[in-house]
Amino acid sequence: MEGAGNDFVVLDGFQPLPEVAALAPRLCDRHFGIGADGVLVMLPSSRGTVRMRMFNPDGTEDECGNGLRCLALFAVQEGRAPAGAFLLESLSGLKKVDVSAEG
């Protein structure tokens, strides 16, 4: 997905996944992988509707506003969140997001 110039590989963490921190450098490599600014993982949340983890191309965990926008839309598209307002948990806490029915 692309959000305001950043591109991401987005994974559904509701399914079993390998260790994403170790996988991120290979996925993000623009010469030998998919190529991306980071990897976003959508996970279940006990505090919000879904939880986001974001990994940089070097495998470190971080946070990104453009990634948050992408993951919010992905959650709605995958039926994990309702269109409209919901809470998305991120590394720095809960974020109120609002995805219009038109995306």
Protein backbone atom coordinates (compact mmCIF):
# COMPACT_ATOMS: atom_id res chain seq x y z
CA MET A 1 0.00 0.00 0.00
CA GLU A 2 1.06 3.61 -0.50
CA GLY A 3 0.26 6.50 1.81
CA ALA A 4 1.44 10.05 1.05
CA GLY A 5 4.60 8.84 -0.66
CA ASN A 6 5.57 6.00 1.68
CA ASP A 7 5.04 2.44 0.48
CA PHE A 8 4.47 -0.55 2.73
CA VAL A 9 4.13 -4.29 2.67
CA VAL A 10 1.01 -4.97 4.76
CA LEU A 11 0.52 -8.30 6.51
CA ASP A 12 -2.52 -9.75 8.26
CA GLY A 13 -1.25 -10.81 11.67
CA PHE A 14 -4.57 -12.47 12.47
CA GLN A 15 -2.93 -15.37 10.58
CA PRO A 16 0.27 -17.07 11.79
CA LEU A 17 3.35 -15.20 10.57
CA PRO A 18 7.09 -15.78 10.76
CA GLU A 19 9.14 -13.33 12.88
CA VAL A 20 8.47 -10.08 11.01
CA ALA A 21 11.46 -8.17 12.42
CA ALA A 22 13.75 -10.74 10.79
CA LEU A 23 11.69 -10.81 7.59
CA ALA A 24 11.44 -7.02 7.10
CA PRO A 25 14.95 -6.47 5.66
CA ARG A 26 14.34 -9.08 2.96
CA LEU A 27 10.85 -7.82 2.11
CA CYS A 28 11.86 -4.15 2.01
CA ASP A 29 14.97 -4.65 -0.14
CA ARG A 30 14.24 -2.81 -3.40
CA HIS A 31 16.71 -4.90 -5.43
CA PHE A 32 16.04 -8.42 -4.19
CA GLY A 33 12.71 -8.19 -2.32
CA ILE A 34 9.31 -6.61 -2.83
CA GLY A 35 10.72 -3.20 -1.95
CA ALA A 36 9.12 -0.92 0.63
CA ASP A 37 9.69 1.79 3.22
CA GLY A 38 8.47 -0.60 5.89
CA VAL A 39 6.31 -3.55 6.86
CA LEU A 40 2.96 -3.06 8.60
CA VAL A 41 1.34 -5.86 10.58
CA MET A 42 -2.35 -5.79 11.56
CA LEU A 43 -2.96 -7.69 14.81
CA PRO A 44 -5.77 -8.26 17.30
CA SER A 45 -5.96 -5.66 20.08
CA SER A 46 -7.29 -5.89 23.61
CA ARG A 47 -7.50 -2.08 23.81
CA GLY A 48 -8.74 -1.04 20.36
CA THR A 49 -10.31 -2.53 17.26
CA VAL A 50 -6.95 -3.61 15.78
CA ARG A 51 -3.29 -3.13 16.61
CA MET A 52 -0.52 -1.97 14.28
CA ARG A 53 3.14 -2.92 14.39
CA MET A 54 5.49 -1.22 11.94
CA PHE A 55 8.98 -2.43 11.04
CA ASN A 56 11.63 -0.38 9.25
CA PRO A 57 13.70 -1.89 6.44
CA ASP A 58 16.43 -2.73 8.98
CA GLY A 59 13.97 -4.72 11.12
CA THR A 60 13.64 -2.20 13.96
CA GLU A 61 10.14 -1.51 15.25
CA ASP A 62 8.87 2.03 14.82
CA GLU A 63 5.77 4.09 14.19
CA CYS A 64 4.66 5.97 11.09
CA GLY A 65 1.65 8.23 10.52
CA ASN A 66 1.42 7.34 6.84
CA GLY A 67 1.58 3.68 7.81
CA LEU A 68 -1.22 4.23 10.32
CA ARG A 69 -3.39 5.62 7.52
CA CYS A 70 -2.68 2.59 5.35
CA LEU A 71 -3.33 0.09 8.12
CA ALA A 72 -6.64 1.76 9.05
CA LEU A 73 -7.86 1.39 5.45
CA PHE A 74 -6.53 -2.18 5.26
CA ALA A 75 -8.42 -3.08 8.47
CA VAL A 76 -11.68 -1.82 6.96
CA GLN A 77 -11.04 -3.51 3.60
CA GLU A 78 -10.32 -6.83 5.33
CA GLY A 79 -13.45 -6.59 7.51
CA ARG A 80 -11.47 -6.30 10.77
CA ALA A 81 -12.79 -2.78 11.47
CA PRO A 82 -15.98 -0.93 10.57
CA ALA A 83 -16.03 1.95 8.12
CA GLY A 84 -16.19 5.12 10.18
CA ALA A 85 -14.46 5.87 13.46
CA PHE A 86 -12.59 3.26 15.49
CA LEU A 87 -9.58 2.96 17.80
CA LEU A 88 -6.31 1.66 16.38
CA GLU A 89 -3.60 0.65 18.84
CA SER A 90 -0.05 1.63 17.92
CA LEU A 91 3.36 1.67 19.58
CA SER A 92 2.54 5.01 21.24
CA GLY A 93 -1.01 4.13 22.31
CA LEU A 94 -4.54 4.35 20.99
CA LYS A 95 -5.29 6.50 17.94
CA LYS A 96 -8.79 7.48 16.86
CA VAL A 97 -9.08 6.94 13.12
CA ASP A 98 -11.98 7.55 10.77
CA VAL A 99 -12.17 5.74 7.45
CA SER A 100 -14.97 7.01 5.23
CA ALA A 101 -17.20 4.48 3.49
CA GLU A 102 -15.60 5.61 0.21
CA GLY A 103 -12.13 4.78 1.58
